[in-house]
Amino acid sequence: MESAEVVAKTCSKCGENYASNSSPWCRKCRTEHEKTRQATLPERSMAKGWAAGVRAFREELARNLARRPGYTVECGALAKYVMDFPAPEFDARKKEPPTEAGG
């Protein structure tokens, strides 16, 4: 019987250190990644909430416009315009949503 040769994996991110058994990255790279991920968590959460709020507002506005009796053609076109119009992007540096004046 031949003995199996054990080859240690190197980190797929830095290529310098040995990777752990369960991860392709070494402990140092995993720690740096986790620190960065935790540091940006509040900003990512606010941006995600902002996008969900914009989407919900658009859907509700389009739904209400589409239901208006007697104005189905004009309101239908307006509802499509509202859904297709680009949403303002969330700027995490401002720490507050933009105002109606855009700013």
N, C-alpha and C. Protein backbone atom coordinates (compact mmCIF):
# COMPACT_ATOMS: atom_id res chain seq x y z
N MET A 1 0.84 -1.18 0.00
CA MET A 1 0.00 0.00 0.00
C MET A 1 0.88 1.24 0.00
N GLU A 2 0.50 2.18 -0.80
CA GLU A 2 1.25 3.42 -0.84
C GLU A 2 0.69 4.40 0.19
N SER A 3 1.56 5.17 0.80
CA SER A 3 1.08 6.16 1.77
C SER A 3 0.71 7.44 1.04
N ALA A 4 -0.35 8.05 1.47
CA ALA A 4 -0.82 9.30 0.86
C ALA A 4 0.05 10.45 1.33
N GLU A 5 0.43 11.27 0.40
CA GLU A 5 1.26 12.41 0.74
C GLU A 5 0.38 13.59 1.15
N VAL A 6 0.68 14.16 2.29
CA VAL A 6 -0.10 15.28 2.81
C VAL A 6 0.54 16.58 2.32
N VAL A 7 -0.25 17.38 1.61
CA VAL A 7 0.24 18.66 1.10
C VAL A 7 -0.52 19.77 1.81
N ALA A 8 0.21 20.67 2.43
CA ALA A 8 -0.43 21.78 3.14
C ALA A 8 -0.90 22.83 2.12
N LYS A 9 -2.12 23.29 2.31
CA LYS A 9 -2.66 24.32 1.42
C LYS A 9 -2.13 25.67 1.85
N THR A 10 -1.87 26.53 0.87
CA THR A 10 -1.52 27.91 1.20
C THR A 10 -2.76 28.77 1.03
N CYS A 11 -2.75 29.91 1.64
CA CYS A 11 -3.88 30.85 1.62
C CYS A 11 -4.16 31.28 0.17
N SER A 12 -5.41 31.23 -0.24
CA SER A 12 -5.76 31.62 -1.60
C SER A 12 -5.82 33.13 -1.77
N LYS A 13 -5.79 33.86 -0.66
CA LYS A 13 -5.83 35.32 -0.74
C LYS A 13 -4.42 35.92 -0.76
N CYS A 14 -3.61 35.57 0.22
CA CYS A 14 -2.26 36.16 0.29
C CYS A 14 -1.20 35.23 -0.27
N GLY A 15 -1.45 33.93 -0.24
CA GLY A 15 -0.51 32.96 -0.77
C GLY A 15 0.72 32.74 0.10
N GLU A 16 0.79 33.38 1.24
CA GLU A 16 1.97 33.28 2.09
C GLU A 16 1.80 32.27 3.22
N ASN A 17 0.72 32.39 3.96
CA ASN A 17 0.50 31.55 5.14
C ASN A 17 -0.27 30.29 4.76
N TYR A 18 -0.27 29.35 5.68
CA TYR A 18 -1.03 28.12 5.46
C TYR A 18 -2.50 28.36 5.75
N ALA A 19 -3.33 27.81 4.90
CA ALA A 19 -4.77 27.92 5.10
C ALA A 19 -5.21 26.93 6.16
N SER A 20 -6.34 27.22 6.79
CA SER A 20 -6.85 26.30 7.79
C SER A 20 -7.58 25.17 7.08
N ASN A 21 -7.98 24.18 7.82
CA ASN A 21 -8.64 23.02 7.23
C ASN A 21 -9.98 23.34 6.61
N SER A 22 -10.72 24.26 7.22
CA SER A 22 -12.08 24.52 6.76
C SER A 22 -12.22 25.74 5.87
N SER A 23 -11.16 26.52 5.68
CA SER A 23 -11.23 27.75 4.92
C SER A 23 -10.06 27.84 3.95
N PRO A 24 -10.29 28.43 2.77
CA PRO A 24 -9.16 28.59 1.85
C PRO A 24 -8.23 29.74 2.25
N TRP A 25 -8.60 30.53 3.24
CA TRP A 25 -7.79 31.67 3.69
C TRP A 25 -7.10 31.33 5.00
N CYS A 26 -5.99 32.01 5.25
CA CYS A 26 -5.29 31.85 6.52
C CYS A 26 -6.00 32.67 7.61
N ARG A 27 -5.60 32.46 8.82
CA ARG A 27 -6.23 33.15 9.95
C ARG A 27 -6.07 34.67 9.83
N LYS A 28 -4.90 35.14 9.42
CA LYS A 28 -4.64 36.58 9.30
C LYS A 28 -5.59 37.22 8.27
N CYS A 29 -5.74 36.59 7.12
CA CYS A 29 -6.62 37.15 6.08
C CYS A 29 -8.09 37.11 6.51
N ARG A 30 -8.48 36.03 7.18
CA ARG A 30 -9.87 35.95 7.68
C ARG A 30 -10.14 37.03 8.71
N THR A 31 -9.17 37.29 9.60
CA THR A 31 -9.33 38.32 10.63
C THR A 31 -9.45 39.70 10.00
N GLU A 32 -8.58 40.01 9.02
CA GLU A 32 -8.66 41.31 8.34
C GLU A 32 -9.99 41.48 7.63
N HIS A 33 -10.45 40.43 6.95
CA HIS A 33 -11.73 40.49 6.24
C HIS A 33 -12.88 40.73 7.21
N GLU A 34 -12.87 40.02 8.32
CA GLU A 34 -13.95 40.16 9.31
C GLU A 34 -13.96 41.54 9.94
N LYS A 35 -12.79 42.10 10.21
CA LYS A 35 -12.72 43.45 10.76
C LYS A 35 -13.30 44.47 9.79
N THR A 36 -12.95 44.35 8.52
CA THR A 36 -13.47 45.25 7.50
C THR A 36 -14.98 45.10 7.37
N ARG A 37 -15.43 43.85 7.39
CA ARG A 37 -16.87 43.58 7.26
C ARG A 37 -17.65 44.16 8.43
N GLN A 38 -17.13 44.01 9.63
CA GLN A 38 -17.80 44.55 10.81
C GLN A 38 -17.78 46.07 10.82
N ALA A 39 -16.69 46.68 10.33
CA ALA A 39 -16.58 48.14 10.31
C ALA A 39 -17.57 48.76 9.33
N THR A 40 -17.88 48.08 8.25
CA THR A 40 -18.79 48.63 7.24
C THR A 40 -20.23 48.15 7.42
N LEU A 41 -20.49 47.36 8.43
CA LEU A 41 -21.84 46.83 8.64
C LEU A 41 -22.90 47.92 8.81
N PRO A 42 -22.68 48.97 9.62
CA PRO A 42 -23.72 50.00 9.75
C PRO A 42 -24.03 50.70 8.41
N GLU A 43 -22.99 51.00 7.65
CA GLU A 43 -23.22 51.65 6.35
C GLU A 43 -23.97 50.74 5.40
N ARG A 44 -23.57 49.46 5.36
CA ARG A 44 -24.25 48.52 4.48
C ARG A 44 -25.71 48.33 4.90
N SER A 45 -25.97 48.33 6.20
CA SER A 45 -27.34 48.17 6.69
C SER A 45 -28.19 49.39 6.33
N MET A 46 -27.62 50.60 6.48
CA MET A 46 -28.37 51.81 6.13
C MET A 46 -28.65 51.85 4.63
N ALA A 47 -27.69 51.48 3.82
CA ALA A 47 -27.89 51.49 2.37
C ALA A 47 -28.94 50.47 1.96
N LYS A 48 -28.93 49.33 2.61
CA LYS A 48 -29.92 48.29 2.32
C LYS A 48 -31.33 48.76 2.70
N GLY A 49 -31.44 49.41 3.86
CA GLY A 49 -32.72 49.96 4.29
C GLY A 49 -33.20 51.08 3.39
N TRP A 50 -32.27 51.91 2.94
CA TRP A 50 -32.61 53.01 2.02
C TRP A 50 -33.18 52.44 0.73
N ALA A 51 -32.51 51.44 0.16
CA ALA A 51 -32.97 50.83 -1.09
C ALA A 51 -34.34 50.18 -0.91
N ALA A 52 -34.57 49.53 0.21
CA ALA A 52 -35.87 48.91 0.47
C ALA A 52 -36.95 49.98 0.61
N GLY A 53 -36.64 51.10 1.25
CA GLY A 53 -37.61 52.18 1.39
C GLY A 53 -37.96 52.82 0.07
N VAL A 54 -36.96 53.04 -0.77
CA VAL A 54 -37.22 53.61 -2.10
C VAL A 54 -38.09 52.67 -2.92
N ARG A 55 -37.76 51.38 -2.88
CA ARG A 55 -38.54 50.39 -3.63
C ARG A 55 -39.98 50.34 -3.13
N ALA A 56 -40.19 50.36 -1.82
CA ALA A 56 -41.54 50.31 -1.26
C ALA A 56 -42.33 51.57 -1.62
N PHE A 57 -41.67 52.73 -1.56
CA PHE A 57 -42.34 53.98 -1.92
C PHE A 57 -42.77 53.96 -3.38
N ARG A 58 -41.89 53.52 -4.25
CA ARG A 58 -42.22 53.46 -5.67
C ARG A 58 -43.39 52.52 -5.94
N GLU A 59 -43.35 51.36 -5.34
CA GLU A 59 -44.42 50.38 -5.56
C GLU A 59 -45.76 50.91 -5.06
N GLU A 60 -45.77 51.54 -3.89
CA GLU A 60 -47.01 52.08 -3.34
C GLU A 60 -47.54 53.22 -4.20
N LEU A 61 -46.67 54.11 -4.63
CA LEU A 61 -47.08 55.23 -5.48
C LEU A 61 -47.62 54.72 -6.81
N ALA A 62 -46.91 53.78 -7.42
CA ALA A 62 -47.37 53.23 -8.70
C ALA A 62 -48.70 52.50 -8.52
N ARG A 63 -48.86 51.77 -7.44
CA ARG A 63 -50.12 51.05 -7.18
C ARG A 63 -51.28 52.03 -7.02
N ASN A 64 -51.06 53.10 -6.27
CA ASN A 64 -52.12 54.09 -6.07
C ASN A 64 -52.45 54.83 -7.36
N LEU A 65 -51.46 55.16 -8.16
CA LEU A 65 -51.72 55.84 -9.42
C LEU A 65 -52.46 54.93 -10.40
N ALA A 66 -52.12 53.67 -10.42
CA ALA A 66 -52.75 52.74 -11.35
C ALA A 66 -54.22 52.49 -11.00
N ARG A 67 -54.64 52.73 -9.77
CA ARG A 67 -56.02 52.48 -9.33
C ARG A 67 -56.94 53.68 -9.52
N ARG A 68 -56.44 54.81 -9.90
CA ARG A 68 -57.28 56.01 -9.99
C ARG A 68 -58.32 55.84 -11.08
N PRO A 69 -59.59 55.95 -10.76
CA PRO A 69 -60.64 55.76 -11.76
C PRO A 69 -60.66 56.93 -12.75
N GLY A 70 -60.82 56.60 -14.02
CA GLY A 70 -60.94 57.62 -15.04
C GLY A 70 -59.61 58.16 -15.55
N TYR A 71 -58.55 57.80 -14.91
CA TYR A 71 -57.24 58.31 -15.32
C TYR A 71 -56.28 57.15 -15.62
N THR A 72 -56.79 56.04 -16.05
CA THR A 72 -55.95 54.85 -16.19
C THR A 72 -54.82 55.03 -17.19
N VAL A 73 -55.06 55.72 -18.28
CA VAL A 73 -54.01 55.88 -19.29
C VAL A 73 -52.91 56.79 -18.76
N GLU A 74 -53.29 57.98 -18.30
CA GLU A 74 -52.29 58.92 -17.83
C GLU A 74 -51.57 58.40 -16.57
N CYS A 75 -52.31 57.86 -15.64
CA CYS A 75 -51.71 57.38 -14.39
C CYS A 75 -50.88 56.13 -14.62
N GLY A 76 -51.30 55.30 -15.56
CA GLY A 76 -50.51 54.11 -15.88
C GLY A 76 -49.15 54.49 -16.44
N ALA A 77 -49.15 55.49 -17.32
CA ALA A 77 -47.88 55.96 -17.87
C ALA A 77 -47.02 56.61 -16.79
N LEU A 78 -47.66 57.35 -15.90
CA LEU A 78 -46.93 58.00 -14.81
C LEU A 78 -46.37 56.95 -13.84
N ALA A 79 -47.17 55.92 -13.56
CA ALA A 79 -46.70 54.84 -12.68
C ALA A 79 -45.48 54.15 -13.28
N LYS A 80 -45.50 53.90 -14.58
CA LYS A 80 -44.34 53.29 -15.25
C LYS A 80 -43.13 54.23 -15.16
N TYR A 81 -43.35 55.52 -15.34
CA TYR A 81 -42.27 56.50 -15.24
C TYR A 81 -41.66 56.49 -13.84
N VAL A 82 -42.51 56.43 -12.81
CA VAL A 82 -42.02 56.41 -11.43
C VAL A 82 -41.17 55.16 -11.18
N MET A 83 -41.61 54.03 -11.70
CA MET A 83 -40.87 52.80 -11.48
C MET A 83 -39.54 52.78 -12.25
N ASP A 84 -39.49 53.44 -13.40
CA ASP A 84 -38.28 53.44 -14.22
C ASP A 84 -37.31 54.55 -13.87
N PHE A 85 -37.75 55.56 -13.15
CA PHE A 85 -36.90 56.71 -12.83
C PHE A 85 -35.78 56.27 -11.88
N PRO A 86 -34.54 56.68 -12.12
CA PRO A 86 -33.45 56.24 -11.23
C PRO A 86 -33.60 56.80 -9.82
N ALA A 87 -33.39 55.96 -8.85
CA ALA A 87 -33.52 56.35 -7.45
C ALA A 87 -32.27 57.09 -7.00
N PRO A 88 -32.42 58.02 -6.05
CA PRO A 88 -31.22 58.66 -5.51
C PRO A 88 -30.39 57.62 -4.75
N GLU A 89 -29.09 57.73 -4.86
CA GLU A 89 -28.23 56.77 -4.18
C GLU A 89 -27.98 57.20 -2.75
N PHE A 90 -27.80 56.22 -1.90
CA PHE A 90 -27.52 56.48 -0.50
C PHE A 90 -26.05 56.84 -0.35
N ASP A 91 -25.77 57.96 0.32
CA ASP A 91 -24.40 58.39 0.56
C ASP A 91 -24.12 58.23 2.05
N ALA A 92 -23.32 57.24 2.39
CA ALA A 92 -23.06 56.93 3.80
C ALA A 92 -22.27 58.04 4.49
N ARG A 93 -21.57 58.87 3.73
CA ARG A 93 -20.79 59.95 4.35
C ARG A 93 -21.70 61.02 4.94
N LYS A 94 -22.90 61.20 4.38
CA LYS A 94 -23.81 62.24 4.88
C LYS A 94 -24.49 61.81 6.17
N LYS A 95 -24.66 60.53 6.38
CA LYS A 95 -25.29 59.96 7.57
C LYS A 95 -26.76 60.34 7.70
N GLU A 96 -27.34 60.91 6.66
CA GLU A 96 -28.77 61.20 6.67
C GLU A 96 -29.26 61.15 5.23
N PRO A 97 -30.53 60.84 5.02
CA PRO A 97 -31.05 60.76 3.66
C PRO A 97 -31.14 62.14 3.02
N PRO A 98 -31.13 62.20 1.68
CA PRO A 98 -31.25 63.50 1.02
C PRO A 98 -32.61 64.12 1.26
N THR A 99 -32.68 65.44 1.19
CA THR A 99 -33.94 66.15 1.38
C THR A 99 -34.67 66.23 0.05
N GLU A 100 -35.86 66.85 0.07
CA GLU A 100 -36.63 66.98 -1.15
C GLU A 100 -35.91 67.84 -2.18
N ALA A 101 -35.07 68.76 -1.74
CA ALA A 101 -34.35 69.63 -2.66
C ALA A 101 -33.16 68.91 -3.30
N GLY A 102 -32.95 67.65 -2.94
CA GLY A 102 -31.89 66.85 -3.56
C GLY A 102 -30.59 66.88 -2.82
N GLY A 103 -30.59 67.38 -1.61
CA GLY A 103 -29.35 67.47 -1.05
C GLY A 103 -28.80 67.21 0.19
